[in-house]
Amino acid sequence: QVQLEESGGGLVQPGGSLRLSCAASGSIFSINNMGWYRQAPGKQRELVATVTGTGNTNYAAFVKGRFTISMDNAKNTVYLEMNNLKPEDTAVYYCRADIYTHYQLEGIWGQGTQVTVSS
């Protein structure tokens, strides 16, 4: 019933920037947290960043200050601002949301969006 719609992926040159968006819709009582994970071919899915409904953020060490996660509570949307992108950032980026629906916590994944960093 709850859906996540991702957008913003694409091809970018090394050193460039992208902004990913993930909008949640459906029977939402409240949002516990949202975040971004990524998975490259042959690799495990790894956490990139998360943000709670109260605004607390957490980042993976490899971000090194390059990425910023934020949430627009009014729009039920999470963003990932990606700066100084490197080839090793190439992966499918998945949005993750933990949402309270009918007083129960439901976890849901987005469909994924491809980010390719190449010259």
PDB file of N, CA and C in Angstrom:
ATOM      1  N   GLN A   1       0.819  -1.195   0.000  1.00  0.00           N
ATOM      2  CA  GLN A   1       0.000   0.000   0.000  1.00  0.00           C
ATOM      3  C   GLN A   1       0.864   1.261   0.000  1.00  0.00           C
ATOM      4  N   VAL A   2       1.956   1.218   0.748  1.00  0.00           N
ATOM      5  CA  VAL A   2       2.914   2.316   0.743  1.00  0.00           C
ATOM      6  C   VAL A   2       3.886   2.106  -0.411  1.00  0.00           C
ATOM      7  N   GLN A   3       4.115   3.153  -1.184  1.00  0.00           N
ATOM      8  CA  GLN A   3       4.988   3.085  -2.346  1.00  0.00           C
ATOM      9  C   GLN A   3       6.114   4.102  -2.230  1.00  0.00           C
ATOM     10  N   LEU A   4       7.276   3.760  -2.793  1.00  0.00           N
ATOM     11  CA  LEU A   4       8.410   4.664  -2.872  1.00  0.00           C
ATOM     12  C   LEU A   4       8.749   4.900  -4.331  1.00  0.00           C
ATOM     13  N   GLU A   5       8.892   6.154  -4.709  1.00  0.00           N
ATOM     14  CA  GLU A   5       9.243   6.513  -6.074  1.00  0.00           C
ATOM     15  C   GLU A   5      10.572   7.248  -6.077  1.00  0.00           C
ATOM     16  N   GLU A   6      11.582   6.649  -6.712  1.00  0.00           N
ATOM     17  CA  GLU A   6      12.912   7.224  -6.775  1.00  0.00           C
ATOM     18  C   GLU A   6      13.135   7.947  -8.099  1.00  0.00           C
ATOM     19  N   SER A   7      13.989   8.954  -8.065  1.00  0.00           N
ATOM     20  CA  SER A   7      14.369   9.671  -9.267  1.00  0.00           C
ATOM     21  C   SER A   7      15.709  10.359  -9.044  1.00  0.00           C
ATOM     22  N   GLY A   8      16.345  10.790 -10.127  1.00  0.00           N
ATOM     23  CA  GLY A   8      17.555  11.577 -10.038  1.00  0.00           C
ATOM     24  C   GLY A   8      18.833  10.886 -10.465  1.00  0.00           C
ATOM     25  N   GLY A   9      18.793   9.592 -10.709  1.00  0.00           N
ATOM     26  CA  GLY A   9      19.984   8.885 -11.146  1.00  0.00           C
ATOM     27  C   GLY A   9      20.338   9.226 -12.582  1.00  0.00           C
ATOM     28  N   GLY A  10      21.545   8.828 -12.979  1.00  0.00           N
ATOM     29  CA  GLY A  10      21.983   9.079 -14.335  1.00  0.00           C
ATOM     30  C   GLY A  10      23.479   8.976 -14.473  1.00  0.00           C
ATOM     31  N   LEU A  11      23.983   9.487 -15.591  1.00  0.00           N
ATOM     32  CA  LEU A  11      25.412   9.481 -15.896  1.00  0.00           C
ATOM     33  C   LEU A  11      26.010  10.835 -15.560  1.00  0.00           C
ATOM     34  N   VAL A  12      27.122  10.815 -14.835  1.00  0.00           N
ATOM     35  CA  VAL A  12      27.796  12.048 -14.449  1.00  0.00           C
ATOM     36  C   VAL A  12      29.304  11.846 -14.532  1.00  0.00           C
ATOM     37  N   GLN A  13      30.033  12.917 -14.829  1.00  0.00           N
ATOM     38  CA  GLN A  13      31.487  12.847 -14.893  1.00  0.00           C
ATOM     39  C   GLN A  13      32.096  12.859 -13.496  1.00  0.00           C
ATOM     40  N   PRO A  14      33.289  12.281 -13.329  1.00  0.00           N
ATOM     41  CA  PRO A  14      33.964  12.367 -12.031  1.00  0.00           C
ATOM     42  C   PRO A  14      34.084  13.813 -11.565  1.00  0.00           C
ATOM     43  N   GLY A  15      33.798  14.028 -10.288  1.00  0.00           N
ATOM     44  CA  GLY A  15      33.800  15.367  -9.731  1.00  0.00           C
ATOM     45  C   GLY A  15      32.467  16.075  -9.831  1.00  0.00           C
ATOM     46  N   GLY A  16      31.525  15.493 -10.547  1.00  0.00           N
ATOM     47  CA  GLY A  16      30.219  16.092 -10.709  1.00  0.00           C
ATOM     48  C   GLY A  16      29.286  15.808  -9.552  1.00  0.00           C
ATOM     49  N   SER A  17      28.036  16.251  -9.704  1.00  0.00           N
ATOM     50  CA  SER A  17      27.045  16.134  -8.641  1.00  0.00           C
ATOM     51  C   SER A  17      25.727  15.600  -9.170  1.00  0.00           C
ATOM     52  N   LEU A  18      24.990  14.937  -8.299  1.00  0.00           N
ATOM     53  CA  LEU A  18      23.640  14.479  -8.567  1.00  0.00           C
ATOM     54  C   LEU A  18      22.818  14.618  -7.295  1.00  0.00           C
ATOM     55  N   ARG A  19      21.511  14.790  -7.451  1.00  0.00           N
ATOM     56  CA  ARG A  19      20.609  14.774  -6.316  1.00  0.00           C
ATOM     57  C   ARG A  19      19.534  13.724  -6.535  1.00  0.00           C
ATOM     58  N   LEU A  20      19.493  12.746  -5.646  1.00  0.00           N
ATOM     59  CA  LEU A  20      18.495  11.697  -5.692  1.00  0.00           C
ATOM     60  C   LEU A  20      17.298  12.084  -4.823  1.00  0.00           C
ATOM     61  N   SER A  21      16.109  11.703  -5.275  1.00  0.00           N
ATOM     62  CA  SER A  21      14.888  11.962  -4.531  1.00  0.00           C
ATOM     63  C   SER A  21      14.115  10.663  -4.349  1.00  0.00           C
ATOM     64  N   CYS A  22      13.419  10.548  -3.228  1.00  0.00           N
ATOM     65  CA  CYS A  22      12.588   9.390  -2.952  1.00  0.00           C
ATOM     66  C   CYS A  22      11.342   9.861  -2.225  1.00  0.00           C
ATOM     67  N   ALA A  23      10.199   9.725  -2.870  1.00  0.00           N
ATOM     68  CA  ALA A  23       8.930  10.182  -2.310  1.00  0.00           C
ATOM     69  C   ALA A  23       8.085   8.995  -1.875  1.00  0.00           C
ATOM     70  N   ALA A  24       7.612   9.038  -0.641  1.00  0.00           N
ATOM     71  CA  ALA A  24       6.742   7.999  -0.102  1.00  0.00           C
ATOM     72  C   ALA A  24       5.288   8.432  -0.208  1.00  0.00           C
ATOM     73  N   SER A  25       4.424   7.492  -0.567  1.00  0.00           N
ATOM     74  CA  SER A  25       3.002   7.783  -0.670  1.00  0.00           C
ATOM     75  C   SER A  25       2.200   6.574  -0.214  1.00  0.00           C
ATOM     76  N   GLY A  26       0.948   6.801   0.149  1.00  0.00           N
ATOM     77  CA  GLY A  26       0.077   5.736   0.604  1.00  0.00           C
ATOM     78  C   GLY A  26      -0.440   5.988   2.004  1.00  0.00           C
ATOM     79  N   SER A  27      -0.734   4.906   2.706  1.00  0.00           N
ATOM     80  CA  SER A  27      -1.308   4.990   4.051  1.00  0.00           C
ATOM     81  C   SER A  27      -0.207   5.192   5.078  1.00  0.00           C
ATOM     82  N   ILE A  28       0.249   6.428   5.197  1.00  0.00           N
ATOM     83  CA  ILE A  28       1.351   6.769   6.089  1.00  0.00           C
ATOM     84  C   ILE A  28       0.812   7.433   7.344  1.00  0.00           C
ATOM     85  N   PHE A  29       1.093   6.815   8.481  1.00  0.00           N
ATOM     86  CA  PHE A  29       0.756   7.431   9.756  1.00  0.00           C
ATOM     87  C   PHE A  29       1.885   8.365  10.185  1.00  0.00           C
ATOM     88  N   SER A  30       3.103   7.863  10.115  1.00  0.00           N
ATOM     89  CA  SER A  30       4.285   8.665  10.376  1.00  0.00           C
ATOM     90  C   SER A  30       5.503   7.917   9.836  1.00  0.00           C
ATOM     91  N   ILE A  31       6.597   8.642   9.642  1.00  0.00           N
ATOM     92  CA  ILE A  31       7.830   8.054   9.141  1.00  0.00           C
ATOM     93  C   ILE A  31       8.828   7.915  10.275  1.00  0.00           C
ATOM     94  N   ASN A  32       9.292   6.698  10.499  1.00  0.00           N
ATOM     95  CA  ASN A  32      10.310   6.459  11.508  1.00  0.00           C
ATOM     96  C   ASN A  32      11.687   6.907  11.006  1.00  0.00           C
ATOM     97  N   ASN A  33      12.058   6.432   9.826  1.00  0.00           N
ATOM     98  CA  ASN A  33      13.299   6.855   9.205  1.00  0.00           C
ATOM     99  C   ASN A  33      13.286   6.505   7.722  1.00  0.00           C
ATOM    100  N   MET A  34      14.151   7.170   6.969  1.00  0.00           N
ATOM    101  CA  MET A  34      14.370   6.868   5.567  1.00  0.00           C
ATOM    102  C   MET A  34      15.867   6.908   5.301  1.00  0.00           C
ATOM    103  N   GLY A  35      16.282   6.238   4.234  1.00  0.00           N
ATOM    104  CA  GLY A  35      17.695   6.221   3.941  1.00  0.00           C
ATOM    105  C   GLY A  35      18.006   5.727   2.549  1.00  0.00           C
ATOM    106  N   TRP A  36      19.296   5.710   2.256  1.00  0.00           N
ATOM    107  CA  TRP A  36      19.795   5.274   0.958  1.00  0.00           C
ATOM    108  C   TRP A  36      20.831   4.174   1.129  1.00  0.00           C
ATOM    109  N   TYR A  37      20.718   3.145   0.306  1.00  0.00           N
ATOM    110  CA  TYR A  37      21.679   2.064   0.211  1.00  0.00           C
ATOM    111  C   TYR A  37      22.115   1.946  -1.241  1.00  0.00           C
ATOM    112  N   ARG A  38      23.261   1.316  -1.472  1.00  0.00           N
ATOM    113  CA  ARG A  38      23.711   1.132  -2.845  1.00  0.00           C
ATOM    114  C   ARG A  38      24.308  -0.256  -3.022  1.00  0.00           C
ATOM    115  N   GLN A  39      24.259  -0.737  -4.261  1.00  0.00           N
ATOM    116  CA  GLN A  39      24.784  -2.049  -4.577  1.00  0.00           C
ATOM    117  C   GLN A  39      25.423  -2.035  -5.959  1.00  0.00           C
ATOM    118  N   ALA A  40      26.708  -2.360  -6.009  1.00  0.00           N
ATOM    119  CA  ALA A  40      27.435  -2.491  -7.257  1.00  0.00           C
ATOM    120  C   ALA A  40      27.444  -3.958  -7.679  1.00  0.00           C
ATOM    121  N   PRO A  41      27.642  -4.245  -8.971  1.00  0.00           N
ATOM    122  CA  PRO A  41      27.669  -5.631  -9.432  1.00  0.00           C
ATOM    123  C   PRO A  41      28.685  -6.472  -8.670  1.00  0.00           C
ATOM    124  N   GLY A  42      28.245  -7.629  -8.177  1.00  0.00           N
ATOM    125  CA  GLY A  42      29.124  -8.522  -7.441  1.00  0.00           C
ATOM    126  C   GLY A  42      29.416  -8.099  -6.019  1.00  0.00           C
ATOM    127  N   LYS A  43      28.794  -7.029  -5.550  1.00  0.00           N
ATOM    128  CA  LYS A  43      29.033  -6.523  -4.206  1.00  0.00           C
ATOM    129  C   LYS A  43      27.771  -6.624  -3.357  1.00  0.00           C
ATOM    130  N   GLN A  44      27.958  -6.576  -2.044  1.00  0.00           N
ATOM    131  CA  GLN A  44      26.825  -6.552  -1.134  1.00  0.00           C
ATOM    132  C   GLN A  44      26.195  -5.160  -1.107  1.00  0.00           C
ATOM    133  N   ARG A  45      24.911  -5.139  -0.806  1.00  0.00           N
ATOM    134  CA  ARG A  45      24.248  -3.861  -0.622  1.00  0.00           C
ATOM    135  C   ARG A  45      24.779  -3.210   0.657  1.00  0.00           C
ATOM    136  N   GLU A  46      25.115  -1.926   0.578  1.00  0.00           N
ATOM    137  CA  GLU A  46      25.708  -1.235   1.701  1.00  0.00           C
ATOM    138  C   GLU A  46      24.970   0.056   2.007  1.00  0.00           C
ATOM    139  N   LEU A  47      24.976   0.411   3.268  1.00  0.00           N
ATOM    140  CA  LEU A  47      24.334   1.642   3.709  1.00  0.00           C
ATOM    141  C   LEU A  47      25.135   2.850   3.250  1.00  0.00           C
ATOM    142  N   VAL A  48      24.421   3.868   2.783  1.00  0.00           N
ATOM    143  CA  VAL A  48      25.039   5.131   2.406  1.00  0.00           C
ATOM    144  C   VAL A  48      24.751   6.195   3.464  1.00  0.00           C
ATOM    145  N   ALA A  49      23.475   6.408   3.760  1.00  0.00           N
ATOM    146  CA  ALA A  49      23.082   7.416   4.744  1.00  0.00           C
ATOM    147  C   ALA A  49      21.647   7.179   5.169  1.00  0.00           C
ATOM    148  N   THR A  50      21.320   7.598   6.381  1.00  0.00           N
ATOM    149  CA  THR A  50      19.953   7.519   6.886  1.00  0.00           C
ATOM    150  C   THR A  50      19.596   8.811   7.599  1.00  0.00           C
ATOM    151  N   VAL A  51      18.297   9.067   7.698  1.00  0.00           N
ATOM    152  CA  VAL A  51      17.796  10.207   8.454  1.00  0.00           C
ATOM    153  C   VAL A  51      16.512   9.777   9.154  1.00  0.00           C
ATOM    154  N   THR A  52      16.369  10.147  10.422  1.00  0.00           N
ATOM    155  CA  THR A  52      15.178   9.804  11.179  1.00  0.00           C
ATOM    156  C   THR A  52      14.104  10.858  10.976  1.00  0.00           C
ATOM    157  N   GLY A  53      12.888  10.519  11.411  1.00  0.00           N
ATOM    158  CA  GLY A  53      11.798  11.466  11.314  1.00  0.00           C
ATOM    159  C   GLY A  53      12.002  12.712  12.145  1.00  0.00           C
ATOM    160  N   THR A  54      12.891  12.640  13.131  1.00  0.00           N
ATOM    161  CA  THR A  54      13.198  13.791  13.965  1.00  0.00           C
ATOM    162  C   THR A  54      14.424  14.558  13.477  1.00  0.00           C
ATOM    163  N   GLY A  55      15.045  14.100  12.374  1.00  0.00           N
ATOM    164  CA  GLY A  55      16.123  14.844  11.761  1.00  0.00           C
ATOM    165  C   GLY A  55      17.530  14.372  12.060  1.00  0.00           C
ATOM    166  N   ASN A  56      17.695  13.299  12.813  1.00  0.00           N
ATOM    167  CA  ASN A  56      19.030  12.773  13.085  1.00  0.00           C
ATOM    168  C   ASN A  56      19.573  12.032  11.868  1.00  0.00           C
ATOM    169  N   THR A  57      20.834  12.274  11.520  1.00  0.00           N
ATOM    170  CA  THR A  57      21.443  11.681  10.336  1.00  0.00           C
ATOM    171  C   THR A  57      22.602  10.767  10.698  1.00  0.00           C
ATOM    172  N   ASN A  58      22.874   9.820   9.794  1.00  0.00           N
ATOM    173  CA  ASN A  58      23.989   8.905   9.939  1.00  0.00           C
ATOM    174  C   ASN A  58      24.563   8.638   8.558  1.00  0.00           C
ATOM    175  N   TYR A  59      25.916   8.613   8.450  1.00  0.00           N
ATOM    176  CA  TYR A  59      26.578   8.453   7.174  1.00  0.00           C
ATOM    177  C   TYR A  59      27.603   7.339   7.216  1.00  0.00           C
ATOM    178  N   ALA A  60      27.763   6.653   6.084  1.00  0.00           N
ATOM    179  CA  ALA A  60      28.839   5.692   5.935  1.00  0.00           C
ATOM    180  C   ALA A  60      30.170   6.424   5.874  1.00  0.00           C
ATOM    181  N   ALA A  61      31.237   5.740   6.320  1.00  0.00           N
ATOM    182  CA  ALA A  61      32.544   6.385   6.379  1.00  0.00           C
ATOM    183  C   ALA A  61      33.045   6.810   5.005  1.00  0.00           C
ATOM    184  N   PHE A  62      32.704   6.065   3.959  1.00  0.00           N
ATOM    185  CA  PHE A  62      33.235   6.371   2.635  1.00  0.00           C
ATOM    186  C   PHE A  62      32.647   7.637   2.023  1.00  0.00           C
ATOM    187  N   VAL A  63      31.598   8.184   2.645  1.00  0.00           N
ATOM    188  CA  VAL A  63      31.010   9.426   2.135  1.00  0.00           C
ATOM    189  C   VAL A  63      32.003  10.577   2.262  1.00  0.00           C
ATOM    190  N   LYS A  64      32.751  10.615   3.366  1.00  0.00           N
ATOM    191  CA  LYS A  64      33.812  11.594   3.602  1.00  0.00           C
ATOM    192  C   LYS A  64      33.362  13.028   3.378  1.00  0.00           C
ATOM    193  N   GLY A  65      32.149  13.346   3.821  1.00  0.00           N
ATOM    194  CA  GLY A  65      31.639  14.688   3.718  1.00  0.00           C
ATOM    195  C   GLY A  65      31.114  15.073   2.354  1.00  0.00           C
ATOM    196  N   ARG A  66      31.088  14.152   1.410  1.00  0.00           N
ATOM    197  CA  ARG A  66      30.675  14.469   0.046  1.00  0.00           C
ATOM    198  C   ARG A  66      29.161  14.433  -0.151  1.00  0.00           C
ATOM    199  N   PHE A  67      28.465  13.623   0.648  1.00  0.00           N
ATOM    200  CA  PHE A  67      27.027  13.447   0.484  1.00  0.00           C
ATOM    201  C   PHE A  67      26.277  14.082   1.643  1.00  0.00           C
ATOM    202  N   THR A  68      25.059  14.532   1.367  1.00  0.00           N
ATOM    203  CA  THR A  68      24.186  15.085   2.387  1.00  0.00           C
ATOM    204  C   THR A  68      22.790  14.514   2.230  1.00  0.00           C
ATOM    205  N   ILE A  69      22.237  13.963   3.309  1.00  0.00           N
ATOM    206  CA  ILE A  69      20.884  13.437   3.293  1.00  0.00           C
ATOM    207  C   ILE A  69      19.969  14.405   4.033  1.00  0.00           C
ATOM    208  N   SER A  70      18.759  14.561   3.529  1.00  0.00           N
ATOM    209  CA  SER A  70      17.789  15.439   4.159  1.00  0.00           C
ATOM    210  C   SER A  70      16.381  14.924   3.901  1.00  0.00           C
ATOM    211  N   MET A  71      15.430  15.363   4.717  1.00  0.00           N
ATOM    212  CA  MET A  71      14.049  14.934   4.577  1.00  0.00           C
ATOM    213  C   MET A  71      13.121  16.134   4.608  1.00  0.00           C
ATOM    214  N   ASP A  72      12.154  16.133   3.707  1.00  0.00           N
ATOM    215  CA  ASP A  72      11.080  17.104   3.699  1.00  0.00           C
ATOM    216  C   ASP A  72       9.855  16.399   4.263  1.00  0.00           C
ATOM    217  N   ASN A  73       9.558  16.634   5.532  1.00  0.00           N
ATOM    218  CA  ASN A  73       8.466  15.925   6.191  1.00  0.00           C
ATOM    219  C   ASN A  73       7.109  16.231   5.564  1.00  0.00           C
ATOM    220  N   ALA A  74       6.916  17.460   5.102  1.00  0.00           N
ATOM    221  CA  ALA A  74       5.645  17.840   4.511  1.00  0.00           C
ATOM    222  C   ALA A  74       5.368  17.063   3.228  1.00  0.00           C
ATOM    223  N   LYS A  75       6.425  16.691   2.505  1.00  0.00           N
ATOM    224  CA  LYS A  75       6.277  15.968   1.241  1.00  0.00           C
ATOM    225  C   LYS A  75       6.586  14.481   1.362  1.00  0.00           C
ATOM    226  N   ASN A  76       6.930  14.022   2.570  1.00  0.00           N
ATOM    227  CA  ASN A  76       7.331  12.624   2.775  1.00  0.00           C
ATOM    228  C   ASN A  76       8.409  12.204   1.781  1.00  0.00           C
ATOM    229  N   THR A  77       9.401  13.056   1.625  1.00  0.00           N
ATOM    230  CA  THR A  77      10.439  12.854   0.624  1.00  0.00           C
ATOM    231  C   THR A  77      11.821  12.971   1.251  1.00  0.00           C
ATOM    232  N   VAL A  78      12.704  12.056   0.881  1.00  0.00           N
ATOM    233  CA  VAL A  78      14.091  12.101   1.318  1.00  0.00           C
ATOM    234  C   VAL A  78      14.974  12.391   0.111  1.00  0.00           C
ATOM    235  N   TYR A  79      16.041  13.161   0.331  1.00  0.00           N
ATOM    236  CA  TYR A  79      16.962  13.540  -0.728  1.00  0.00           C
ATOM    237  C   TYR A  79      18.375  13.090  -0.372  1.00  0.00           C
ATOM    238  N   LEU A  80      19.165  12.844  -1.391  1.00  0.00           N
ATOM    239  CA  LEU A  80      20.584  12.580  -1.214  1.00  0.00           C
ATOM    240  C   LEU A  80      21.350  13.462  -2.182  1.00  0.00           C
ATOM    241  N   GLU A  81      22.011  14.481  -1.652  1.00  0.00           N
ATOM    242  CA  GLU A  81      22.850  15.358  -2.449  1.00  0.00           C
ATOM    243  C   GLU A  81      24.236  14.743  -2.523  1.00  0.00           C
ATOM    244  N   MET A  82      24.676  14.425  -3.731  1.00  0.00           N
ATOM    245  CA  MET A  82      25.935  13.730  -3.952  1.00  0.00           C
ATOM    246  C   MET A  82      26.887  14.668  -4.688  1.00  0.00           C
ATOM    247  N   ASN A  83      27.987  15.020  -4.036  1.00  0.00           N
ATOM    248  CA  ASN A  83      28.978  15.927  -4.607  1.00  0.00           C
ATOM    249  C   ASN A  83      30.320  15.229  -4.767  1.00  0.00           C
ATOM    250  N   ASN A  84      31.150  15.769  -5.656  1.00  0.00           N
ATOM    251  CA  ASN A  84      32.480  15.221  -5.923  1.00  0.00           C
ATOM    252  C   ASN A  84      32.418  13.718  -6.154  1.00  0.00           C
ATOM    253  N   LEU A  85      31.557  13.313  -7.059  1.00  0.00           N
ATOM    254  CA  LEU A  85      31.350  11.890  -7.318  1.00  0.00           C
ATOM    255  C   LEU A  85      32.590  11.243  -7.930  1.00  0.00           C
ATOM    256  N   LYS A  86      32.811   9.991  -7.556  1.00  0.00           N
ATOM    257  CA  LYS A  86      33.951   9.216  -8.012  1.00  0.00           C
ATOM    258  C   LYS A  86      33.476   7.964  -8.731  1.00  0.00           C
ATOM    259  N   PRO A  87      34.308   7.383  -9.603  1.00  0.00           N
ATOM    260  CA  PRO A  87      33.903   6.161 -10.309  1.00  0.00           C
ATOM    261  C   PRO A  87      33.445   5.049  -9.373  1.00  0.00           C
ATOM    262  N   GLU A  88      34.043   4.937  -8.196  1.00  0.00           N
ATOM    263  CA  GLU A  88      33.653   3.896  -7.258  1.00  0.00           C
ATOM    264  C   GLU A  88      32.275   4.123  -6.643  1.00  0.00           C
ATOM    265  N   ASP A  89      31.674   5.286  -6.893  1.00  0.00           N
ATOM    266  CA  ASP A  89      30.305   5.530  -6.461  1.00  0.00           C
ATOM    267  C   ASP A  89      29.283   4.903  -7.399  1.00  0.00           C
ATOM    268  N   THR A  90      29.732   4.384  -8.531  1.00  0.00           N
ATOM    269  CA  THR A  90      28.837   3.764  -9.495  1.00  0.00           C
ATOM    270  C   THR A  90      28.128   2.564  -8.875  1.00  0.00           C
ATOM    271  N   ALA A  91      26.801   2.579  -8.893  1.00  0.00           N
ATOM    272  CA  ALA A  91      25.997   1.527  -8.282  1.00  0.00           C
ATOM    273  C   ALA A  91      24.523   1.822  -8.523  1.00  0.00           C
ATOM    274  N   VAL A  92      23.689   0.847  -8.184  1.00  0.00           N
ATOM    275  CA  VAL A  92      22.259   1.087  -8.102  1.00  0.00           C
ATOM    276  C   VAL A  92      21.958   1.575  -6.695  1.00  0.00           C
ATOM    277  N   TYR A  93      21.307   2.708  -6.595  1.00  0.00           N
ATOM    278  CA  TYR A  93      20.986   3.300  -5.306  1.00  0.00           C
ATOM    279  C   TYR A  93      19.527   3.022  -4.970  1.00  0.00           C
ATOM    280  N   TYR A  94      19.300   2.451  -3.786  1.00  0.00           N
ATOM    281  CA  TYR A  94      17.968   2.067  -3.342  1.00  0.00           C
ATOM    282  C   TYR A  94      17.522   2.913  -2.165  1.00  0.00           C
ATOM    283  N   CYS A  95      16.306   3.386  -2.240  1.00  0.00           N
ATOM    284  CA  CYS A  95      15.696   4.101  -1.132  1.00  0.00           C
ATOM    285  C   CYS A  95      15.075   3.102  -0.160  1.00  0.00           C
ATOM    286  N   ARG A  96      15.234   3.345   1.128  1.00  0.00           N
ATOM    287  CA  ARG A  96      14.667   2.514   2.173  1.00  0.00           C
ATOM    288  C   ARG A  96      13.836   3.381   3.110  1.00  0.00           C
ATOM    289  N   ALA A  97      12.651   2.903   3.456  1.00  0.00           N
ATOM    290  CA  ALA A  97      11.797   3.628   4.377  1.00  0.00           C
ATOM    291  C   ALA A  97      11.209   2.685   5.410  1.00  0.00           C
ATOM    292  N   ASP A  98      11.179   3.131   6.649  1.00  0.00           N
ATOM    293  CA  ASP A  98      10.490   2.436   7.731  1.00  0.00           C
ATOM    294  C   ASP A  98       9.363   3.345   8.175  1.00  0.00           C
ATOM    295  N   ILE A  99       8.136   2.913   7.890  1.00  0.00           N
ATOM    296  CA  ILE A  99       6.961   3.769   8.012  1.00  0.00           C
ATOM    297  C   ILE A  99       5.919   3.113   8.901  1.00  0.00           C
ATOM    298  N   TYR A 100       5.337   3.915   9.785  1.00  0.00           N
ATOM    299  CA  TYR A 100       4.236   3.431  10.612  1.00  0.00           C
ATOM    300  C   TYR A 100       2.939   3.505   9.816  1.00  0.00           C
ATOM    301  N   THR A 101       2.312   2.344   9.643  1.00  0.00           N
ATOM    302  CA  THR A 101       1.039   2.233   8.955  1.00  0.00           C
ATOM    303  C   THR A 101       0.071   1.488   9.856  1.00  0.00           C
ATOM    304  N   HIS A 102      -1.040   2.123  10.201  1.00  0.00           N
ATOM    305  CA  HIS A 102      -2.026   1.529  11.113  1.00  0.00           C
ATOM    306  C   HIS A 102      -1.363   1.064  12.407  1.00  0.00           C
ATOM    307  N   TYR A 103      -0.475   1.916  12.920  1.00  0.00           N
ATOM    308  CA  TYR A 103       0.211   1.709  14.191  1.00  0.00           C
ATOM    309  C   TYR A 103       1.214   0.552  14.162  1.00  0.00           C
ATOM    310  N   GLN A 104       1.605   0.103  12.975  1.00  0.00           N
ATOM    311  CA  GLN A 104       2.610  -0.933  12.830  1.00  0.00           C
ATOM    312  C   GLN A 104       3.723  -0.439  11.926  1.00  0.00           C
ATOM    313  N   LEU A 105       4.957  -0.859  12.216  1.00  0.00           N
ATOM    314  CA  LEU A 105       6.116  -0.428  11.451  1.00  0.00           C
ATOM    315  C   LEU A 105       6.292  -1.331  10.234  1.00  0.00           C
ATOM    316  N   GLU A 106       6.352  -0.719   9.066  1.00  0.00           N
ATOM    317  CA  GLU A 106       6.504  -1.444   7.809  1.00  0.00           C
ATOM    318  C   GLU A 106       7.751  -0.972   7.086  1.00  0.00           C
ATOM    319  N   GLY A 107       8.609  -1.915   6.693  1.00  0.00           N
ATOM    320  CA  GLY A 107       9.793  -1.594   5.923  1.00  0.00           C
ATOM    321  C   GLY A 107       9.553  -1.807   4.446  1.00  0.00           C
ATOM    322  N   ILE A 108      10.031  -0.884   3.618  1.00  0.00           N
ATOM    323  CA  ILE A 108       9.800  -0.967   2.186  1.00  0.00           C
ATOM    324  C   ILE A 108      11.008  -0.432   1.427  1.00  0.00           C
ATOM    325  N   TRP A 109      11.269  -1.017   0.273  1.00  0.00           N
ATOM    326  CA  TRP A 109      12.363  -0.614  -0.604  1.00  0.00           C
ATOM    327  C   TRP A 109      11.831   0.050  -1.870  1.00  0.00           C
ATOM    328  N   GLY A 110      12.571   1.021  -2.376  1.00  0.00           N
ATOM    329  CA  GLY A 110      12.290   1.591  -3.677  1.00  0.00           C
ATOM    330  C   GLY A 110      12.794   0.683  -4.782  1.00  0.00           C
ATOM    331  N   GLN A 111      12.516   1.066  -6.028  1.00  0.00           N
ATOM    332  CA  GLN A 111      12.868   0.210  -7.161  1.00  0.00           C
ATOM    333  C   GLN A 111      14.343   0.302  -7.546  1.00  0.00           C
ATOM    334  N   GLY A 112      15.042   1.305  -7.066  1.00  0.00           N
ATOM    335  CA  GLY A 112      16.440   1.510  -7.383  1.00  0.00           C
ATOM    336  C   GLY A 112      16.627   2.450  -8.552  1.00  0.00           C
ATOM    337  N   THR A 113      17.696   3.234  -8.504  1.00  0.00           N
ATOM    338  CA  THR A 113      18.039   4.133  -9.595  1.00  0.00           C
ATOM    339  C   THR A 113      19.540   4.030  -9.868  1.00  0.00           C
ATOM    340  N   GLN A 114      19.906   3.931 -11.140  1.00  0.00           N
ATOM    341  CA  GLN A 114      21.296   3.718 -11.530  1.00  0.00           C
ATOM    342  C   GLN A 114      22.064   5.030 -11.502  1.00  0.00           C
ATOM    343  N   VAL A 115      23.208   5.010 -10.825  1.00  0.00           N
ATOM    344  CA  VAL A 115      24.150   6.123 -10.837  1.00  0.00           C
ATOM    345  C   VAL A 115      25.448   5.630 -11.460  1.00  0.00           C
ATOM    346  N   THR A 116      25.872   6.271 -12.540  1.00  0.00           N
ATOM    347  CA  THR A 116      27.100   5.901 -13.225  1.00  0.00           C
ATOM    348  C   THR A 116      28.027   7.104 -13.279  1.00  0.00           C
ATOM    349  N   VAL A 117      29.236   6.941 -12.749  1.00  0.00           N
ATOM    350  CA  VAL A 117      30.234   8.006 -12.729  1.00  0.00           C
ATOM    351  C   VAL A 117      31.360   7.602 -13.667  1.00  0.00           C
ATOM    352  N   SER A 118      31.467   8.291 -14.786  1.00  0.00           N
ATOM    353  CA  SER A 118      32.444   7.930 -15.803  1.00  0.00           C
ATOM    354  C   SER A 118      32.745   9.133 -16.680  1.00  0.00           C
ATOM    355  N   SER A 119      33.983   9.198 -17.169  1.00  0.00           N
ATOM    356  CA  SER A 119      34.376  10.242 -18.096  1.00  0.00           C
ATOM    357  C   SER A 119      34.172   9.813 -19.538  1.00  0.00           C
TER     358      SER A 119
END
